[in-house]
PDB file of N, CA and C in Angstrom:
ATOM      1  N   MET A   1     -43.156 -14.173  -1.628  1.00  0.00           N
ATOM      2  CA  MET A   1     -41.928 -14.801  -2.080  1.00  0.00           C
ATOM      3  C   MET A   1     -42.022 -16.301  -1.816  1.00  0.00           C
ATOM      4  N   SER A   2     -41.520 -17.075  -2.726  1.00  0.00           N
ATOM      5  CA  SER A   2     -41.613 -18.516  -2.552  1.00  0.00           C
ATOM      6  C   SER A   2     -40.583 -18.998  -1.538  1.00  0.00           C
ATOM      7  N   LYS A   3     -40.859 -20.149  -0.941  1.00  0.00           N
ATOM      8  CA  LYS A   3     -39.948 -20.707   0.064  1.00  0.00           C
ATOM      9  C   LYS A   3     -38.603 -21.080  -0.547  1.00  0.00           C
ATOM     10  N   ALA A   4     -38.580 -21.511  -1.798  1.00  0.00           N
ATOM     11  CA  ALA A   4     -37.327 -21.890  -2.454  1.00  0.00           C
ATOM     12  C   ALA A   4     -36.425 -20.670  -2.638  1.00  0.00           C
ATOM     13  N   LEU A   5     -36.994 -19.549  -3.010  1.00  0.00           N
ATOM     14  CA  LEU A   5     -36.209 -18.333  -3.210  1.00  0.00           C
ATOM     15  C   LEU A   5     -35.644 -17.834  -1.885  1.00  0.00           C
ATOM     16  N   VAL A   6     -36.421 -17.907  -0.832  1.00  0.00           N
ATOM     17  CA  VAL A   6     -35.952 -17.485   0.493  1.00  0.00           C
ATOM     18  C   VAL A   6     -34.797 -18.364   0.947  1.00  0.00           C
ATOM     19  N   SER A   7     -34.885 -19.675   0.738  1.00  0.00           N
ATOM     20  CA  SER A   7     -33.817 -20.570   1.173  1.00  0.00           C
ATOM     21  C   SER A   7     -32.545 -20.354   0.356  1.00  0.00           C
ATOM     22  N   VAL A   8     -32.669 -20.020  -0.934  1.00  0.00           N
ATOM     23  CA  VAL A   8     -31.500 -19.738  -1.765  1.00  0.00           C
ATOM     24  C   VAL A   8     -30.812 -18.471  -1.266  1.00  0.00           C
ATOM     25  N   ARG A   9     -31.573 -17.457  -0.929  1.00  0.00           N
ATOM     26  CA  ARG A   9     -30.986 -16.208  -0.425  1.00  0.00           C
ATOM     27  C   ARG A   9     -30.282 -16.442   0.907  1.00  0.00           C
ATOM     28  N   ARG A  10     -30.856 -17.224   1.786  1.00  0.00           N
ATOM     29  CA  ARG A  10     -30.214 -17.525   3.063  1.00  0.00           C
ATOM     30  C   ARG A  10     -28.909 -18.284   2.844  1.00  0.00           C
ATOM     31  N   PHE A  11     -28.905 -19.233   1.918  1.00  0.00           N
ATOM     32  CA  PHE A  11     -27.706 -20.015   1.644  1.00  0.00           C
ATOM     33  C   PHE A  11     -26.598 -19.126   1.091  1.00  0.00           C
ATOM     34  N   ARG A  12     -26.951 -18.233   0.185  1.00  0.00           N
ATOM     35  CA  ARG A  12     -25.958 -17.353  -0.413  1.00  0.00           C
ATOM     36  C   ARG A  12     -25.377 -16.408   0.650  1.00  0.00           C
ATOM     37  N   HIS A  13     -26.199 -15.902   1.529  1.00  0.00           N
ATOM     38  CA  HIS A  13     -25.735 -14.997   2.577  1.00  0.00           C
ATOM     39  C   HIS A  13     -24.789 -15.710   3.544  1.00  0.00           C
ATOM     40  N   ARG A  14     -25.082 -16.925   3.897  1.00  0.00           N
ATOM     41  CA  ARG A  14     -24.244 -17.672   4.835  1.00  0.00           C
ATOM     42  C   ARG A  14     -22.893 -18.029   4.225  1.00  0.00           C
ATOM     43  N   SER A  15     -22.838 -18.297   2.939  1.00  0.00           N
ATOM     44  CA  SER A  15     -21.588 -18.738   2.326  1.00  0.00           C
ATOM     45  C   SER A  15     -20.581 -17.613   2.173  1.00  0.00           C
ATOM     46  N   GLU A  16     -21.007 -16.349   2.276  1.00  0.00           N
ATOM     47  CA  GLU A  16     -20.112 -15.218   2.087  1.00  0.00           C
ATOM     48  C   GLU A  16     -19.815 -14.479   3.388  1.00  0.00           C
ATOM     49  N   ARG A  17     -20.039 -15.094   4.511  1.00  0.00           N
ATOM     50  CA  ARG A  17     -19.850 -14.412   5.790  1.00  0.00           C
ATOM     51  C   ARG A  17     -18.411 -13.975   6.018  1.00  0.00           C
ATOM     52  N   GLY A  18     -17.417 -14.797   5.715  1.00  0.00           N
ATOM     53  CA  GLY A  18     -16.029 -14.453   5.969  1.00  0.00           C
ATOM     54  C   GLY A  18     -15.335 -13.789   4.802  1.00  0.00           C
ATOM     55  N   ALA A  19     -16.070 -13.448   3.752  1.00  0.00           N
ATOM     56  CA  ALA A  19     -15.444 -12.880   2.556  1.00  0.00           C
ATOM     57  C   ALA A  19     -14.806 -11.530   2.851  1.00  0.00           C
ATOM     58  N   ALA A  20     -15.467 -10.683   3.592  1.00  0.00           N
ATOM     59  CA  ALA A  20     -14.915  -9.359   3.878  1.00  0.00           C
ATOM     60  C   ALA A  20     -13.646  -9.473   4.716  1.00  0.00           C
ATOM     61  N   THR A  21     -13.641 -10.347   5.685  1.00  0.00           N
ATOM     62  CA  THR A  21     -12.464 -10.528   6.525  1.00  0.00           C
ATOM     63  C   THR A  21     -11.286 -11.036   5.703  1.00  0.00           C
ATOM     64  N   ALA A  22     -11.531 -11.963   4.810  1.00  0.00           N
ATOM     65  CA  ALA A  22     -10.462 -12.487   3.963  1.00  0.00           C
ATOM     66  C   ALA A  22      -9.930 -11.396   3.027  1.00  0.00           C
ATOM     67  N   GLU A  23     -10.811 -10.553   2.523  1.00  0.00           N
ATOM     68  CA  GLU A  23     -10.367  -9.470   1.647  1.00  0.00           C
ATOM     69  C   GLU A  23      -9.506  -8.472   2.419  1.00  0.00           C
ATOM     70  N   TYR A  24      -9.876  -8.164   3.652  1.00  0.00           N
ATOM     71  CA  TYR A  24      -9.057  -7.273   4.472  1.00  0.00           C
ATOM     72  C   TYR A  24      -7.694  -7.897   4.738  1.00  0.00           C
ATOM     73  N   ALA A  25      -7.665  -9.177   5.004  1.00  0.00           N
ATOM     74  CA  ALA A  25      -6.390  -9.851   5.275  1.00  0.00           C
ATOM     75  C   ALA A  25      -5.480  -9.803   4.050  1.00  0.00           C
ATOM     76  N   VAL A  26      -6.027 -10.043   2.882  1.00  0.00           N
ATOM     77  CA  VAL A  26      -5.230  -9.982   1.655  1.00  0.00           C
ATOM     78  C   VAL A  26      -4.721  -8.562   1.424  1.00  0.00           C
ATOM     79  N   SER A  27      -5.558  -7.569   1.683  1.00  0.00           N
ATOM     80  CA  SER A  27      -5.139  -6.171   1.512  1.00  0.00           C
ATOM     81  C   SER A  27      -4.019  -5.807   2.474  1.00  0.00           C
ATOM     82  N   ILE A  28      -4.108  -6.271   3.713  1.00  0.00           N
ATOM     83  CA  ILE A  28      -3.066  -5.972   4.704  1.00  0.00           C
ATOM     84  C   ILE A  28      -1.756  -6.636   4.319  1.00  0.00           C
ATOM     85  N   VAL A  29      -1.805  -7.867   3.870  1.00  0.00           N
ATOM     86  CA  VAL A  29      -0.583  -8.562   3.452  1.00  0.00           C
ATOM     87  C   VAL A  29       0.048  -7.850   2.248  1.00  0.00           C
ATOM     88  N   ALA A  30      -0.780  -7.410   1.308  1.00  0.00           N
ATOM     89  CA  ALA A  30      -0.258  -6.699   0.141  1.00  0.00           C
ATOM     90  C   ALA A  30       0.369  -5.364   0.548  1.00  0.00           C
ATOM     91  N   ALA A  31      -0.264  -4.656   1.473  1.00  0.00           N
ATOM     92  CA  ALA A  31       0.283  -3.376   1.927  1.00  0.00           C
ATOM     93  C   ALA A  31       1.611  -3.573   2.655  1.00  0.00           C
ATOM     94  N   CYS A  32       1.703  -4.618   3.463  1.00  0.00           N
ATOM     95  CA  CYS A  32       2.964  -4.897   4.162  1.00  0.00           C
ATOM     96  C   CYS A  32       4.063  -5.271   3.171  1.00  0.00           C
ATOM     97  N   GLY A  33       3.728  -6.033   2.165  1.00  0.00           N
ATOM     98  CA  GLY A  33       4.714  -6.387   1.142  1.00  0.00           C
ATOM     99  C   GLY A  33       5.203  -5.164   0.380  1.00  0.00           C
ATOM    100  N   LEU A  34       4.289  -4.282   0.016  1.00  0.00           N
ATOM    101  CA  LEU A  34       4.671  -3.056  -0.675  1.00  0.00           C
ATOM    102  C   LEU A  34       5.536  -2.175   0.226  1.00  0.00           C
ATOM    103  N   GLY A  35       5.183  -2.097   1.499  1.00  0.00           N
ATOM    104  CA  GLY A  35       5.994  -1.331   2.438  1.00  0.00           C
ATOM    105  C   GLY A  35       7.402  -1.888   2.565  1.00  0.00           C
ATOM    106  N   GLY A  36       7.533  -3.196   2.599  1.00  0.00           N
ATOM    107  CA  GLY A  36       8.854  -3.819   2.667  1.00  0.00           C
ATOM    108  C   GLY A  36       9.691  -3.518   1.442  1.00  0.00           C
ATOM    109  N   ILE A  37       9.057  -3.555   0.283  1.00  0.00           N
ATOM    110  CA  ILE A  37       9.776  -3.234  -0.958  1.00  0.00           C
ATOM    111  C   ILE A  37      10.234  -1.782  -0.953  1.00  0.00           C
ATOM    112  N   LEU A  38       9.366  -0.874  -0.509  1.00  0.00           N
ATOM    113  CA  LEU A  38       9.737   0.544  -0.461  1.00  0.00           C
ATOM    114  C   LEU A  38      10.883   0.795   0.515  1.00  0.00           C
ATOM    115  N   ILE A  39      10.871   0.134   1.647  1.00  0.00           N
ATOM    116  CA  ILE A  39      11.965   0.293   2.616  1.00  0.00           C
ATOM    117  C   ILE A  39      13.272  -0.199   2.013  1.00  0.00           C
ATOM    118  N   ALA A  40      13.227  -1.349   1.349  1.00  0.00           N
ATOM    119  CA  ALA A  40      14.441  -1.883   0.728  1.00  0.00           C
ATOM    120  C   ALA A  40      14.968  -0.931  -0.353  1.00  0.00           C
ATOM    121  N   LEU A  41      14.069  -0.347  -1.134  1.00  0.00           N
ATOM    122  CA  LEU A  41      14.500   0.592  -2.169  1.00  0.00           C
ATOM    123  C   LEU A  41      15.094   1.862  -1.569  1.00  0.00           C
ATOM    124  N   LEU A  42      14.458   2.394  -0.537  1.00  0.00           N
ATOM    125  CA  LEU A  42      14.943   3.638   0.052  1.00  0.00           C
ATOM    126  C   LEU A  42      16.268   3.469   0.787  1.00  0.00           C
ATOM    127  N   LYS A  43      16.591   2.260   1.194  1.00  0.00           N
ATOM    128  CA  LYS A  43      17.864   2.013   1.863  1.00  0.00           C
ATOM    129  C   LYS A  43      19.013   1.812   0.878  1.00  0.00           C
ATOM    130  N   SER A  44      18.704   1.624  -0.384  1.00  0.00           N
ATOM    131  CA  SER A  44      19.758   1.389  -1.369  1.00  0.00           C
ATOM    132  C   SER A  44      20.558   2.670  -1.609  1.00  0.00           C
ATOM    133  N   PRO A  45      21.850   2.542  -1.844  1.00  0.00           N
ATOM    134  CA  PRO A  45      22.691   3.729  -2.039  1.00  0.00           C
ATOM    135  C   PRO A  45      22.296   4.568  -3.258  1.00  0.00           C
ATOM    136  N   ALA A  46      21.845   3.940  -4.321  1.00  0.00           N
ATOM    137  CA  ALA A  46      21.485   4.675  -5.527  1.00  0.00           C
ATOM    138  C   ALA A  46      20.285   5.593  -5.274  1.00  0.00           C
ATOM    139  N   VAL A  47      19.260   5.071  -4.618  1.00  0.00           N
ATOM    140  CA  VAL A  47      18.062   5.874  -4.351  1.00  0.00           C
ATOM    141  C   VAL A  47      18.374   6.965  -3.335  1.00  0.00           C
ATOM    142  N   THR A  48      19.192   6.648  -2.327  1.00  0.00           N
ATOM    143  CA  THR A  48      19.572   7.649  -1.334  1.00  0.00           C
ATOM    144  C   THR A  48      20.317   8.809  -1.998  1.00  0.00           C
ATOM    145  N   ALA A  49      21.253   8.505  -2.884  1.00  0.00           N
ATOM    146  CA  ALA A  49      21.990   9.549  -3.591  1.00  0.00           C
ATOM    147  C   ALA A  49      21.066  10.379  -4.473  1.00  0.00           C
ATOM    148  N   MET A  50      20.119   9.719  -5.130  1.00  0.00           N
ATOM    149  CA  MET A  50      19.179  10.435  -5.979  1.00  0.00           C
ATOM    150  C   MET A  50      18.304  11.382  -5.153  1.00  0.00           C
ATOM    151  N   LEU A  51      17.811  10.920  -4.002  1.00  0.00           N
ATOM    152  CA  LEU A  51      16.995  11.778  -3.144  1.00  0.00           C
ATOM    153  C   LEU A  51      17.788  12.971  -2.626  1.00  0.00           C
ATOM    154  N   LYS A  52      19.052  12.741  -2.256  1.00  0.00           N
ATOM    155  CA  LYS A  52      19.901  13.849  -1.807  1.00  0.00           C
ATOM    156  C   LYS A  52      20.108  14.858  -2.923  1.00  0.00           C
ATOM    157  N   ALA A  53      20.309  14.396  -4.143  1.00  0.00           N
ATOM    158  CA  ALA A  53      20.494  15.294  -5.287  1.00  0.00           C
ATOM    159  C   ALA A  53      19.237  16.112  -5.549  1.00  0.00           C
ATOM    160  N   ILE A  54      18.078  15.498  -5.433  1.00  0.00           N
ATOM    161  CA  ILE A  54      16.814  16.212  -5.649  1.00  0.00           C
ATOM    162  C   ILE A  54      16.620  17.288  -4.578  1.00  0.00           C
ATOM    163  N   ILE A  55      16.919  16.942  -3.326  1.00  0.00           N
ATOM    164  CA  ILE A  55      16.770  17.908  -2.236  1.00  0.00           C
ATOM    165  C   ILE A  55      17.737  19.070  -2.426  1.00  0.00           C
ATOM    166  N   ASN A  56      18.988  18.787  -2.769  1.00  0.00           N
ATOM    167  CA  ASN A  56      19.960  19.854  -2.997  1.00  0.00           C
ATOM    168  C   ASN A  56      19.570  20.735  -4.182  1.00  0.00           C
ATOM    169  N   TYR A  57      19.054  20.139  -5.244  1.00  0.00           N
ATOM    170  CA  TYR A  57      18.607  20.913  -6.405  1.00  0.00           C
ATOM    171  C   TYR A  57      17.477  21.858  -6.010  1.00  0.00           C
ATOM    172  N   ALA A  58      16.525  21.352  -5.221  1.00  0.00           N
ATOM    173  CA  ALA A  58      15.404  22.189  -4.797  1.00  0.00           C
ATOM    174  C   ALA A  58      15.879  23.318  -3.888  1.00  0.00           C
ATOM    175  N   LEU A  59      16.820  23.031  -3.005  1.00  0.00           N
ATOM    176  CA  LEU A  59      17.337  24.084  -2.123  1.00  0.00           C
ATOM    177  C   LEU A  59      18.108  25.142  -2.913  1.00  0.00           C
ATOM    178  N   LYS A  60      18.877  24.710  -3.899  1.00  0.00           N
ATOM    179  CA  LYS A  60      19.611  25.670  -4.728  1.00  0.00           C
ATOM    180  C   LYS A  60      18.655  26.512  -5.567  1.00  0.00           C
ATOM    181  N   ALA A  61      17.583  25.917  -6.052  1.00  0.00           N
ATOM    182  CA  ALA A  61      16.589  26.652  -6.819  1.00  0.00           C
ATOM    183  C   ALA A  61      15.877  27.681  -5.956  1.00  0.00           C
ATOM    184  N   ALA A  62      15.785  27.409  -4.655  1.00  0.00           N
ATOM    185  CA  ALA A  62      15.141  28.338  -3.727  1.00  0.00           C
ATOM    186  C   ALA A  62      16.101  29.426  -3.247  1.00  0.00           C
ATOM    187  N   GLY A  63      17.373  29.360  -3.669  1.00  0.00           N
ATOM    188  CA  GLY A  63      18.334  30.378  -3.302  1.00  0.00           C
ATOM    189  C   GLY A  63      19.212  30.020  -2.133  1.00  0.00           C
ATOM    190  N   MET A  64      19.145  28.801  -1.669  1.00  0.00           N
ATOM    191  CA  MET A  64      20.001  28.366  -0.565  1.00  0.00           C
ATOM    192  C   MET A  64      21.191  27.612  -1.132  1.00  0.00           C
ATOM    193  N   ASP A  65      22.187  27.376  -0.305  1.00  0.00           N
ATOM    194  CA  ASP A  65      23.415  26.736  -0.774  1.00  0.00           C
ATOM    195  C   ASP A  65      23.281  25.230  -0.946  1.00  0.00           C
ATOM    196  N   GLY A  66      22.291  24.644  -0.390  1.00  0.00           N
ATOM    197  CA  GLY A  66      22.185  23.191  -0.407  1.00  0.00           C
ATOM    198  C   GLY A  66      22.780  22.619   0.856  1.00  0.00           C
ATOM    199  N   VAL A  67      22.580  21.385   1.082  1.00  0.00           N
ATOM    200  CA  VAL A  67      23.021  20.742   2.314  1.00  0.00           C
ATOM    201  C   VAL A  67      23.887  19.553   1.957  1.00  0.00           C
ATOM    202  N   GLN A  68      24.991  19.406   2.635  1.00  0.00           N
ATOM    203  CA  GLN A  68      25.825  18.212   2.473  1.00  0.00           C
ATOM    204  C   GLN A  68      25.392  17.174   3.505  1.00  0.00           C
ATOM    205  N   ILE A  69      24.732  16.153   3.033  1.00  0.00           N
ATOM    206  CA  ILE A  69      24.241  15.102   3.937  1.00  0.00           C
ATOM    207  C   ILE A  69      25.059  13.855   3.707  1.00  0.00           C
TER     208      ILE A  69
END
């Protein structure tokens, strides 16, 4: 292998050392943002009522009376 090719490979390897760490950081920030959005949605009265209706429908379909929550 020529010396020029070896030096190019070393340069490329050194320039990408923190790339994986930065990608993990971006993924964690995105996951936290998505989690915050989901919490805000689940706390809303409309979604809470919809979830209660789905649970009661499933309980009634299973032969139970349903639950008043």
